[in-house]
All heavy atoms as atom14 arrays in JSON, in Angstrom:
{
  "sequence": "LANVEALAARFDVSPSTIRRDLAILTAEGHIARTYGGAIPIGAHSE",
  "atom14_mask": [
    [1, 1, 1, 1, 1, 1, 1, 1, 0, 0, 0, 0, 0, 0],
    [1, 1, 1, 1, 1, 0, 0, 0, 0, 0, 0, 0, 0, 0],
    [1, 1, 1, 1, 1, 1, 1, 1, 0, 0, 0, 0, 0, 0],
    [1, 1, 1, 1, 1, 1, 1, 0, 0, 0, 0, 0, 0, 0],
    [1, 1, 1, 1, 1, 1, 1, 1, 1, 0, 0, 0, 0, 0],
    [1, 1, 1, 1, 1, 0, 0, 0, 0, 0, 0, 0, 0, 0],
    [1, 1, 1, 1, 1, 1, 1, 1, 0, 0, 0, 0, 0, 0],
    [1, 1, 1, 1, 1, 0, 0, 0, 0, 0, 0, 0, 0, 0],
    [1, 1, 1, 1, 1, 0, 0, 0, 0, 0, 0, 0, 0, 0],
    [1, 1, 1, 1, 1, 1, 1, 1, 1, 1, 1, 0, 0, 0],
    [1, 1, 1, 1, 1, 1, 1, 1, 1, 1, 1, 0, 0, 0],
    [1, 1, 1, 1, 1, 1, 1, 1, 0, 0, 0, 0, 0, 0],
    [1, 1, 1, 1, 1, 1, 1, 0, 0, 0, 0, 0, 0, 0],
    [1, 1, 1, 1, 1, 1, 0, 0, 0, 0, 0, 0, 0, 0],
    [1, 1, 1, 1, 1, 1, 1, 0, 0, 0, 0, 0, 0, 0],
    [1, 1, 1, 1, 1, 1, 0, 0, 0, 0, 0, 0, 0, 0],
    [1, 1, 1, 1, 1, 1, 1, 0, 0, 0, 0, 0, 0, 0],
    [1, 1, 1, 1, 1, 1, 1, 1, 0, 0, 0, 0, 0, 0],
    [1, 1, 1, 1, 1, 1, 1, 1, 1, 1, 1, 0, 0, 0],
    [1, 1, 1, 1, 1, 1, 1, 1, 1, 1, 1, 0, 0, 0],
    [1, 1, 1, 1, 1, 1, 1, 1, 0, 0, 0, 0, 0, 0],
    [1, 1, 1, 1, 1, 1, 1, 1, 0, 0, 0, 0, 0, 0],
    [1, 1, 1, 1, 1, 0, 0, 0, 0, 0, 0, 0, 0, 0],
    [1, 1, 1, 1, 1, 1, 1, 1, 0, 0, 0, 0, 0, 0],
    [1, 1, 1, 1, 1, 1, 1, 1, 0, 0, 0, 0, 0, 0],
    [1, 1, 1, 1, 1, 1, 1, 0, 0, 0, 0, 0, 0, 0],
    [1, 1, 1, 1, 1, 0, 0, 0, 0, 0, 0, 0, 0, 0],
    [1, 1, 1, 1, 1, 1, 1, 1, 1, 0, 0, 0, 0, 0],
    [1, 1, 1, 1, 0, 0, 0, 0, 0, 0, 0, 0, 0, 0],
    [1, 1, 1, 1, 1, 1, 1, 1, 1, 1, 0, 0, 0, 0],
    [1, 1, 1, 1, 1, 1, 1, 1, 0, 0, 0, 0, 0, 0],
    [1, 1, 1, 1, 1, 0, 0, 0, 0, 0, 0, 0, 0, 0],
    [1, 1, 1, 1, 1, 1, 1, 1, 1, 1, 1, 0, 0, 0],
    [1, 1, 1, 1, 1, 1, 1, 0, 0, 0, 0, 0, 0, 0],
    [1, 1, 1, 1, 1, 1, 1, 1, 1, 1, 1, 1, 0, 0],
    [1, 1, 1, 1, 0, 0, 0, 0, 0, 0, 0, 0, 0, 0],
    [1, 1, 1, 1, 0, 0, 0, 0, 0, 0, 0, 0, 0, 0],
    [1, 1, 1, 1, 1, 0, 0, 0, 0, 0, 0, 0, 0, 0],
    [1, 1, 1, 1, 1, 1, 1, 1, 0, 0, 0, 0, 0, 0],
    [1, 1, 1, 1, 1, 1, 1, 0, 0, 0, 0, 0, 0, 0],
    [1, 1, 1, 1, 1, 1, 1, 1, 0, 0, 0, 0, 0, 0],
    [1, 1, 1, 1, 0, 0, 0, 0, 0, 0, 0, 0, 0, 0],
    [1, 1, 1, 1, 1, 0, 0, 0, 0, 0, 0, 0, 0, 0],
    [1, 1, 1, 1, 1, 1, 1, 1, 1, 1, 0, 0, 0, 0],
    [1, 1, 1, 1, 1, 1, 0, 0, 0, 0, 0, 0, 0, 0],
    [1, 1, 1, 1, 1, 1, 1, 1, 1, 0, 0, 0, 0, 0]
  ],
  "atom14_positions": [
    [[0.78, -1.16, 0.01], [-0.03, 0.04, -0.04], [0.86, 1.28, -0.05], [1.82, 1.35, 0.83], [-0.88, -0.03, 1.33], [-1.78, 1.27, 1.39], [-2.93, 1.25, 0.36], [-2.46, 1.29, 2.77], [0.0, 0.0, 0.0], [0.0, 0.0, 0.0], [0.0, 0.0, 0.0], [0.0, 0.0, 0.0], [0.0, 0.0, 0.0], [0.0, 0.0, 0.0]],
    [[0.61, 2.13, -0.94], [1.25, 3.49, -0.95], [0.34, 4.51, -0.48], [-0.71, 4.74, -0.92], [1.68, 3.79, -2.41], [0.0, 0.0, 0.0], [0.0, 0.0, 0.0], [0.0, 0.0, 0.0], [0.0, 0.0, 0.0], [0.0, 0.0, 0.0], [0.0, 0.0, 0.0], [0.0, 0.0, 0.0], [0.0, 0.0, 0.0], [0.0, 0.0, 0.0]],
    [[0.71, 5.05, 0.74], [-0.11, 6.04, 1.41], [0.34, 7.43, 1.1], [1.5, 7.77, 1.12], [-0.08, 5.84, 2.87], [-0.85, 6.92, 3.71], [-0.37, 7.96, 4.05], [-2.1, 6.58, 3.97], [0.0, 0.0, 0.0], [0.0, 0.0, 0.0], [0.0, 0.0, 0.0], [0.0, 0.0, 0.0], [0.0, 0.0, 0.0], [0.0, 0.0, 0.0]],
    [[-0.66, 8.33, 0.72], [-0.33, 9.65, 0.26], [0.58, 10.48, 1.23], [1.63, 10.99, 0.87], [-1.6, 10.46, -0.16], [-1.21, 11.93, -0.4], [-2.28, 9.88, -1.34], [0.0, 0.0, 0.0], [0.0, 0.0, 0.0], [0.0, 0.0, 0.0], [0.0, 0.0, 0.0], [0.0, 0.0, 0.0], [0.0, 0.0, 0.0], [0.0, 0.0, 0.0]],
    [[0.08, 10.51, 2.42], [0.74, 11.35, 3.38], [2.14, 10.82, 3.71], [3.18, 11.53, 3.81], [-0.01, 11.44, 4.72], [-1.44, 12.08, 4.59], [-1.33, 13.5, 4.05], [-0.37, 14.22, 4.4], [-2.28, 13.91, 3.4], [0.0, 0.0, 0.0], [0.0, 0.0, 0.0], [0.0, 0.0, 0.0], [0.0, 0.0, 0.0], [0.0, 0.0, 0.0]],
    [[2.3, 9.49, 3.87], [3.56, 8.91, 4.05], [4.54, 9.15, 2.92], [5.74, 9.38, 3.13], [3.41, 7.41, 4.4], [0.0, 0.0, 0.0], [0.0, 0.0, 0.0], [0.0, 0.0, 0.0], [0.0, 0.0, 0.0], [0.0, 0.0, 0.0], [0.0, 0.0, 0.0], [0.0, 0.0, 0.0], [0.0, 0.0, 0.0], [0.0, 0.0, 0.0]],
    [[4.02, 8.99, 1.66], [4.85, 9.22, 0.55], [5.35, 10.67, 0.42], [6.53, 10.95, 0.06], [4.14, 8.87, -0.73], [3.83, 7.31, -0.95], [3.0, 7.08, -2.05], [5.2, 6.53, -1.17], [0.0, 0.0, 0.0], [0.0, 0.0, 0.0], [0.0, 0.0, 0.0], [0.0, 0.0, 0.0], [0.0, 0.0, 0.0], [0.0, 0.0, 0.0]],
    [[4.4, 11.61, 0.74], [4.81, 12.99, 0.68], [5.96, 13.29, 1.64], [6.94, 14.05, 1.34], [3.58, 13.85, 0.98], [0.0, 0.0, 0.0], [0.0, 0.0, 0.0], [0.0, 0.0, 0.0], [0.0, 0.0, 0.0], [0.0, 0.0, 0.0], [0.0, 0.0, 0.0], [0.0, 0.0, 0.0], [0.0, 0.0, 0.0], [0.0, 0.0, 0.0]],
    [[5.93, 12.67, 2.84], [6.94, 12.98, 3.8], [8.23, 12.27, 3.4], [9.37, 12.79, 3.54], [6.53, 12.33, 5.18], [0.0, 0.0, 0.0], [0.0, 0.0, 0.0], [0.0, 0.0, 0.0], [0.0, 0.0, 0.0], [0.0, 0.0, 0.0], [0.0, 0.0, 0.0], [0.0, 0.0, 0.0], [0.0, 0.0, 0.0], [0.0, 0.0, 0.0]],
    [[8.18, 11.11, 2.83], [9.25, 10.26, 2.42], [10.08, 11.06, 1.28], [11.32, 11.02, 1.31], [8.92, 8.87, 1.87], [10.04, 7.96, 1.66], [9.52, 6.68, 1.04], [10.5, 5.68, 0.99], [10.8, 4.63, 1.84], [10.0, 4.48, 2.77], [11.79, 3.81, 1.63], [0.0, 0.0, 0.0], [0.0, 0.0, 0.0], [0.0, 0.0, 0.0]],
    [[9.33, 11.51, 0.39], [10.0, 12.23, -0.8], [10.09, 13.77, -0.67], [10.61, 14.52, -1.57], [9.27, 11.83, -2.08], [9.35, 10.32, -2.42], [8.25, 9.57, -2.25], [10.58, 9.91, -2.89], [8.37, 8.27, -2.53], [10.67, 8.52, -3.13], [9.53, 7.68, -2.97], [0.0, 0.0, 0.0], [0.0, 0.0, 0.0], [0.0, 0.0, 0.0]],
    [[9.66, 14.25, 0.53], [9.73, 15.63, 0.75], [9.05, 16.59, -0.3], [9.64, 17.52, -0.85], [11.21, 16.16, 0.93], [11.39, 17.52, 1.61], [10.4, 17.99, 2.27], [12.37, 18.12, 1.4], [0.0, 0.0, 0.0], [0.0, 0.0, 0.0], [0.0, 0.0, 0.0], [0.0, 0.0, 0.0], [0.0, 0.0, 0.0], [0.0, 0.0, 0.0]],
    [[7.92, 16.17, -0.68], [7.06, 16.87, -1.62], [5.62, 17.02, -1.07], [5.33, 16.43, 0.0], [6.94, 16.18, -2.99], [8.36, 16.19, -3.69], [6.39, 14.84, -2.83], [0.0, 0.0, 0.0], [0.0, 0.0, 0.0], [0.0, 0.0, 0.0], [0.0, 0.0, 0.0], [0.0, 0.0, 0.0], [0.0, 0.0, 0.0], [0.0, 0.0, 0.0]],
    [[4.8, 17.86, -1.66], [3.47, 18.04, -1.17], [2.52, 16.89, -1.38], [2.83, 16.13, -2.42], [2.85, 19.34, -1.79], [2.66, 19.11, -3.12], [0.0, 0.0, 0.0], [0.0, 0.0, 0.0], [0.0, 0.0, 0.0], [0.0, 0.0, 0.0], [0.0, 0.0, 0.0], [0.0, 0.0, 0.0], [0.0, 0.0, 0.0], [0.0, 0.0, 0.0]],
    [[1.5, 16.62, -0.62], [0.5, 15.68, -0.93], [-0.13, 15.83, -2.3], [-0.37, 14.8, -2.97], [-0.49, 15.77, 0.2], [0.26, 16.39, 1.31], [1.25, 17.34, 0.65], [0.0, 0.0, 0.0], [0.0, 0.0, 0.0], [0.0, 0.0, 0.0], [0.0, 0.0, 0.0], [0.0, 0.0, 0.0], [0.0, 0.0, 0.0], [0.0, 0.0, 0.0]],
    [[-0.36, 17.0, -2.75], [-0.86, 17.24, -4.06], [0.05, 16.75, -5.22], [-0.4, 16.13, -6.15], [-1.13, 18.69, -4.29], [0.0, 19.51, -4.3], [0.0, 0.0, 0.0], [0.0, 0.0, 0.0], [0.0, 0.0, 0.0], [0.0, 0.0, 0.0], [0.0, 0.0, 0.0], [0.0, 0.0, 0.0], [0.0, 0.0, 0.0], [0.0, 0.0, 0.0]],
    [[1.34, 16.82, -4.99], [2.33, 16.28, -5.92], [2.23, 14.82, -5.99], [2.27, 14.14, -7.07], [3.73, 16.73, -5.6], [3.88, 18.12, -5.74], [4.81, 16.03, -6.45], [0.0, 0.0, 0.0], [0.0, 0.0, 0.0], [0.0, 0.0, 0.0], [0.0, 0.0, 0.0], [0.0, 0.0, 0.0], [0.0, 0.0, 0.0], [0.0, 0.0, 0.0]],
    [[2.15, 14.14, -4.84], [1.97, 12.66, -4.75], [0.72, 12.2, -5.42], [0.69, 11.21, -6.11], [2.02, 12.18, -3.28], [3.46, 12.42, -2.65], [1.65, 10.65, -3.21], [4.54, 11.63, -3.38], [0.0, 0.0, 0.0], [0.0, 0.0, 0.0], [0.0, 0.0, 0.0], [0.0, 0.0, 0.0], [0.0, 0.0, 0.0], [0.0, 0.0, 0.0]],
    [[-0.42, 12.95, -5.15], [-1.65, 12.57, -5.71], [-1.54, 12.7, -7.34], [-2.12, 11.87, -8.08], [-2.75, 13.55, -5.26], [-3.16, 13.26, -3.79], [-4.42, 13.97, -3.4], [-4.58, 13.88, -1.94], [-4.23, 14.74, -1.1], [-3.61, 15.81, -1.4], [-4.51, 14.53, 0.19], [0.0, 0.0, 0.0], [0.0, 0.0, 0.0], [0.0, 0.0, 0.0]],
    [[-0.91, 13.7, -7.81], [-0.66, 13.81, -9.24], [0.23, 12.59, -9.77], [-0.08, 12.01, -10.8], [0.05, 15.1, -9.51], [0.23, 15.45, -11.03], [0.48, 16.86, -11.3], [1.55, 17.37, -10.52], [1.42, 18.29, -9.52], [0.24, 18.59, -9.16], [2.51, 18.69, -8.85], [0.0, 0.0, 0.0], [0.0, 0.0, 0.0], [0.0, 0.0, 0.0]],
    [[1.22, 12.2, -8.99], [2.02, 11.05, -9.34], [1.19, 9.81, -9.43], [1.3, 8.99, -10.35], [3.17, 10.87, -8.33], [4.31, 11.81, -8.36], [4.38, 12.57, -9.37], [5.01, 11.91, -7.51], [0.0, 0.0, 0.0], [0.0, 0.0, 0.0], [0.0, 0.0, 0.0], [0.0, 0.0, 0.0], [0.0, 0.0, 0.0], [0.0, 0.0, 0.0]],
    [[0.33, 9.62, -8.42], [-0.47, 8.43, -8.34], [-1.46, 8.4, -9.46], [-1.84, 7.39, -10.09], [-1.22, 8.44, -7.0], [-0.37, 8.19, -5.74], [-1.24, 8.07, -4.52], [0.57, 6.96, -5.89], [0.0, 0.0, 0.0], [0.0, 0.0, 0.0], [0.0, 0.0, 0.0], [0.0, 0.0, 0.0], [0.0, 0.0, 0.0], [0.0, 0.0, 0.0]],
    [[-2.03, 9.6, -9.81], [-2.96, 9.64, -10.99], [-2.34, 9.23, -12.22], [-2.81, 8.46, -13.09], [-3.54, 11.06, -10.98], [0.0, 0.0, 0.0], [0.0, 0.0, 0.0], [0.0, 0.0, 0.0], [0.0, 0.0, 0.0], [0.0, 0.0, 0.0], [0.0, 0.0, 0.0], [0.0, 0.0, 0.0], [0.0, 0.0, 0.0], [0.0, 0.0, 0.0]],
    [[-1.09, 9.68, -12.49], [-0.34, 9.44, -13.76], [0.03, 7.89, -13.74], [-0.1, 7.15, -14.74], [0.88, 10.3, -13.78], [0.47, 11.69, -14.19], [1.81, 9.79, -14.94], [1.49, 12.75, -14.09], [0.0, 0.0, 0.0], [0.0, 0.0, 0.0], [0.0, 0.0, 0.0], [0.0, 0.0, 0.0], [0.0, 0.0, 0.0], [0.0, 0.0, 0.0]],
    [[0.51, 7.4, -12.58], [0.89, 5.98, -12.53], [-0.38, 5.08, -12.76], [-0.22, 4.01, -13.31], [1.53, 5.7, -11.25], [3.01, 6.39, -10.93], [3.41, 6.2, -9.5], [3.9, 5.65, -11.91], [0.0, 0.0, 0.0], [0.0, 0.0, 0.0], [0.0, 0.0, 0.0], [0.0, 0.0, 0.0], [0.0, 0.0, 0.0], [0.0, 0.0, 0.0]],
    [[-1.5, 5.53, -12.28], [-2.72, 4.82, -12.45], [-3.12, 4.76, -13.9], [-3.44, 3.75, -14.51], [-3.88, 5.35, -11.59], [-3.56, 5.34, -10.27], [-5.17, 4.54, -11.8], [0.0, 0.0, 0.0], [0.0, 0.0, 0.0], [0.0, 0.0, 0.0], [0.0, 0.0, 0.0], [0.0, 0.0, 0.0], [0.0, 0.0, 0.0], [0.0, 0.0, 0.0]],
    [[-2.98, 5.98, -14.49], [-3.37, 6.02, -15.97], [-2.39, 5.18, -16.83], [-2.88, 4.58, -17.88], [-3.26, 7.46, -16.46], [0.0, 0.0, 0.0], [0.0, 0.0, 0.0], [0.0, 0.0, 0.0], [0.0, 0.0, 0.0], [0.0, 0.0, 0.0], [0.0, 0.0, 0.0], [0.0, 0.0, 0.0], [0.0, 0.0, 0.0], [0.0, 0.0, 0.0]],
    [[-1.2, 5.09, -16.36], [-0.21, 4.23, -17.15], [-0.28, 2.78, -16.87], [0.38, 1.98, -17.42], [1.21, 4.79, -16.87], [1.49, 6.15, -17.38], [2.87, 6.77, -16.99], [3.51, 6.05, -16.12], [3.24, 7.75, -17.56], [0.0, 0.0, 0.0], [0.0, 0.0, 0.0], [0.0, 0.0, 0.0], [0.0, 0.0, 0.0], [0.0, 0.0, 0.0]],
    [[-1.08, 2.37, -15.87], [-1.31, 1.03, -15.47], [-0.36, 0.36, -14.54], [-0.35, -0.85, -14.4], [0.0, 0.0, 0.0], [0.0, 0.0, 0.0], [0.0, 0.0, 0.0], [0.0, 0.0, 0.0], [0.0, 0.0, 0.0], [0.0, 0.0, 0.0], [0.0, 0.0, 0.0], [0.0, 0.0, 0.0], [0.0, 0.0, 0.0], [0.0, 0.0, 0.0]],
    [[0.35, 1.26, -13.86], [1.39, 0.72, -12.9], [0.83, 0.33, -11.56], [1.3, -0.53, -10.93], [2.57, 1.67, -12.71], [3.3, 1.95, -14.01], [4.04, 1.07, -14.59], [3.42, 3.15, -14.69], [4.58, 1.54, -15.67], [4.23, 2.81, -15.75], [0.0, 0.0, 0.0], [0.0, 0.0, 0.0], [0.0, 0.0, 0.0], [0.0, 0.0, 0.0]],
    [[-0.2, 1.08, -11.13], [-0.82, 0.96, -9.86], [-2.35, 1.13, -9.89], [-2.86, 1.47, -11.0], [-0.32, 1.97, -8.81], [-0.59, 3.38, -9.31], [1.17, 1.72, -8.5], [-0.21, 4.44, -8.26], [0.0, 0.0, 0.0], [0.0, 0.0, 0.0], [0.0, 0.0, 0.0], [0.0, 0.0, 0.0], [0.0, 0.0, 0.0], [0.0, 0.0, 0.0]],
    [[-3.07, 0.77, -8.85], [-4.52, 1.0, -8.75], [-4.81, 1.85, -7.59], [-4.19, 1.69, -6.56], [-5.28, -0.25, -8.7], [0.0, 0.0, 0.0], [0.0, 0.0, 0.0], [0.0, 0.0, 0.0], [0.0, 0.0, 0.0], [0.0, 0.0, 0.0], [0.0, 0.0, 0.0], [0.0, 0.0, 0.0], [0.0, 0.0, 0.0], [0.0, 0.0, 0.0]],
    [[-5.7, 2.89, -7.77], [-5.89, 3.77, -6.63], [-6.78, 3.2, -5.57], [-7.64, 2.28, -5.83], [-6.68, 5.1, -7.11], [-5.86, 5.98, -7.98], [-4.54, 6.44, -7.23], [-4.9, 7.28, -6.09], [-5.1, 8.56, -6.15], [-5.09, 9.34, -7.27], [-5.39, 9.31, -5.03], [0.0, 0.0, 0.0], [0.0, 0.0, 0.0], [0.0, 0.0, 0.0]],
    [[-6.5, 3.53, -4.29], [-7.35, 3.04, -3.2], [-7.74, 4.29, -2.38], [-7.14, 5.41, -2.66], [-6.56, 2.05, -2.21], [-5.51, 2.79, -1.61], [-6.09, 0.93, -3.03], [0.0, 0.0, 0.0], [0.0, 0.0, 0.0], [0.0, 0.0, 0.0], [0.0, 0.0, 0.0], [0.0, 0.0, 0.0], [0.0, 0.0, 0.0], [0.0, 0.0, 0.0]],
    [[-8.48, 4.11, -1.34], [-8.78, 5.24, -0.51], [-7.46, 5.73, 0.27], [-6.82, 4.89, 0.99], [-9.85, 4.89, 0.64], [-10.2, 5.95, 1.56], [-11.14, 6.91, 1.1], [-9.48, 6.18, 2.77], [-11.5, 7.97, 2.03], [-9.86, 7.24, 3.59], [-10.86, 8.14, 3.25], [-11.17, 9.06, 4.08], [0.0, 0.0, 0.0], [0.0, 0.0, 0.0]],
    [[-6.95, 6.91, 0.07], [-5.83, 7.46, 0.7], [-4.49, 7.02, 0.1], [-3.45, 7.36, 0.59], [0.0, 0.0, 0.0], [0.0, 0.0, 0.0], [0.0, 0.0, 0.0], [0.0, 0.0, 0.0], [0.0, 0.0, 0.0], [0.0, 0.0, 0.0], [0.0, 0.0, 0.0], [0.0, 0.0, 0.0], [0.0, 0.0, 0.0], [0.0, 0.0, 0.0]],
    [[-4.46, 6.24, -1.0], [-3.22, 5.87, -1.58], [-3.37, 5.0, -2.86], [-4.28, 5.3, -3.66], [0.0, 0.0, 0.0], [0.0, 0.0, 0.0], [0.0, 0.0, 0.0], [0.0, 0.0, 0.0], [0.0, 0.0, 0.0], [0.0, 0.0, 0.0], [0.0, 0.0, 0.0], [0.0, 0.0, 0.0], [0.0, 0.0, 0.0], [0.0, 0.0, 0.0]],
    [[-2.56, 3.93, -2.91], [-2.64, 3.13, -4.17], [-2.0, 1.75, -3.83], [-1.29, 1.64, -2.83], [-1.89, 3.76, -5.28], [0.0, 0.0, 0.0], [0.0, 0.0, 0.0], [0.0, 0.0, 0.0], [0.0, 0.0, 0.0], [0.0, 0.0, 0.0], [0.0, 0.0, 0.0], [0.0, 0.0, 0.0], [0.0, 0.0, 0.0], [0.0, 0.0, 0.0]],
    [[-2.38, 0.74, -4.55], [-1.72, -0.59, -4.5], [-1.18, -0.94, -5.93], [-1.66, -0.37, -6.94], [-2.71, -1.6, -4.03], [-3.95, -1.7, -5.01], [-3.23, -1.33, -2.63], [-4.94, -2.79, -4.65], [0.0, 0.0, 0.0], [0.0, 0.0, 0.0], [0.0, 0.0, 0.0], [0.0, 0.0, 0.0], [0.0, 0.0, 0.0], [0.0, 0.0, 0.0]],
    [[-0.27, -1.87, -5.91], [0.23, -2.27, -7.23], [-0.77, -3.12, -7.96], [-1.5, -3.88, -7.5], [1.48, -3.12, -6.88], [1.22, -3.61, -5.54], [0.4, -2.52, -4.84], [0.0, 0.0, 0.0], [0.0, 0.0, 0.0], [0.0, 0.0, 0.0], [0.0, 0.0, 0.0], [0.0, 0.0, 0.0], [0.0, 0.0, 0.0], [0.0, 0.0, 0.0]],
    [[-0.77, -2.96, -9.35], [-1.6, -3.74, -10.2], [-1.11, -5.26, -10.05], [0.0, -5.56, -10.04], [-1.46, -3.38, -11.63], [-2.02, -1.99, -11.84], [-2.11, -4.38, -12.66], [-3.55, -1.89, -11.74], [0.0, 0.0, 0.0], [0.0, 0.0, 0.0], [0.0, 0.0, 0.0], [0.0, 0.0, 0.0], [0.0, 0.0, 0.0], [0.0, 0.0, 0.0]],
    [[-2.19, -6.12, -9.93], [-1.88, -7.53, -9.76], [-1.7, -8.01, -8.39], [-1.6, -9.16, -8.03], [0.0, 0.0, 0.0], [0.0, 0.0, 0.0], [0.0, 0.0, 0.0], [0.0, 0.0, 0.0], [0.0, 0.0, 0.0], [0.0, 0.0, 0.0], [0.0, 0.0, 0.0], [0.0, 0.0, 0.0], [0.0, 0.0, 0.0], [0.0, 0.0, 0.0]],
    [[-1.52, -7.03, -7.43], [-1.43, -7.36, -5.94], [-2.75, -7.75, -5.42], [-3.81, -7.36, -5.85], [-0.83, -6.23, -5.13], [0.0, 0.0, 0.0], [0.0, 0.0, 0.0], [0.0, 0.0, 0.0], [0.0, 0.0, 0.0], [0.0, 0.0, 0.0], [0.0, 0.0, 0.0], [0.0, 0.0, 0.0], [0.0, 0.0, 0.0], [0.0, 0.0, 0.0]],
    [[-2.84, -8.54, -4.34], [-4.08, -8.81, -3.64], [-4.58, -7.5, -3.11], [-3.78, -6.71, -2.48], [-3.86, -9.77, -2.53], [-5.17, -10.32, -1.93], [-6.04, -9.58, -1.23], [-5.68, -11.58, -2.07], [-7.04, -10.31, -0.85], [-6.78, -11.55, -1.42], [0.0, 0.0, 0.0], [0.0, 0.0, 0.0], [0.0, 0.0, 0.0], [0.0, 0.0, 0.0]],
    [[-5.83, -7.12, -3.4], [-6.31, -5.74, -3.08], [-6.73, -5.58, -1.71], [-7.03, -4.48, -1.29], [-7.45, -5.43, -4.01], [-8.5, -6.33, -3.98], [0.0, 0.0, 0.0], [0.0, 0.0, 0.0], [0.0, 0.0, 0.0], [0.0, 0.0, 0.0], [0.0, 0.0, 0.0], [0.0, 0.0, 0.0], [0.0, 0.0, 0.0], [0.0, 0.0, 0.0]],
    [[-6.68, -6.62, -0.9], [-7.07, -6.5, 0.57], [-5.87, -6.07, 1.31], [-4.8, -6.71, 1.34], [-7.59, -7.77, 1.18], [-8.03, -7.64, 2.61], [-8.51, -8.91, 3.2], [-8.29, -9.97, 2.6], [-9.17, -8.84, 4.29], [0.0, 0.0, 0.0], [0.0, 0.0, 0.0], [0.0, 0.0, 0.0], [0.0, 0.0, 0.0], [0.0, 0.0, 0.0]]
  ]
}
């Protein structure tokens, strides 16, 4: 699970930047969005 707030702190960027990253990665098929973050495509979604 990739959590927005944790990722923002880890990479020292704003949550909005992380959300933009997640949106692009989702559109490219690398991850799937979840509430508050994302999971990898093909991973168990629970």
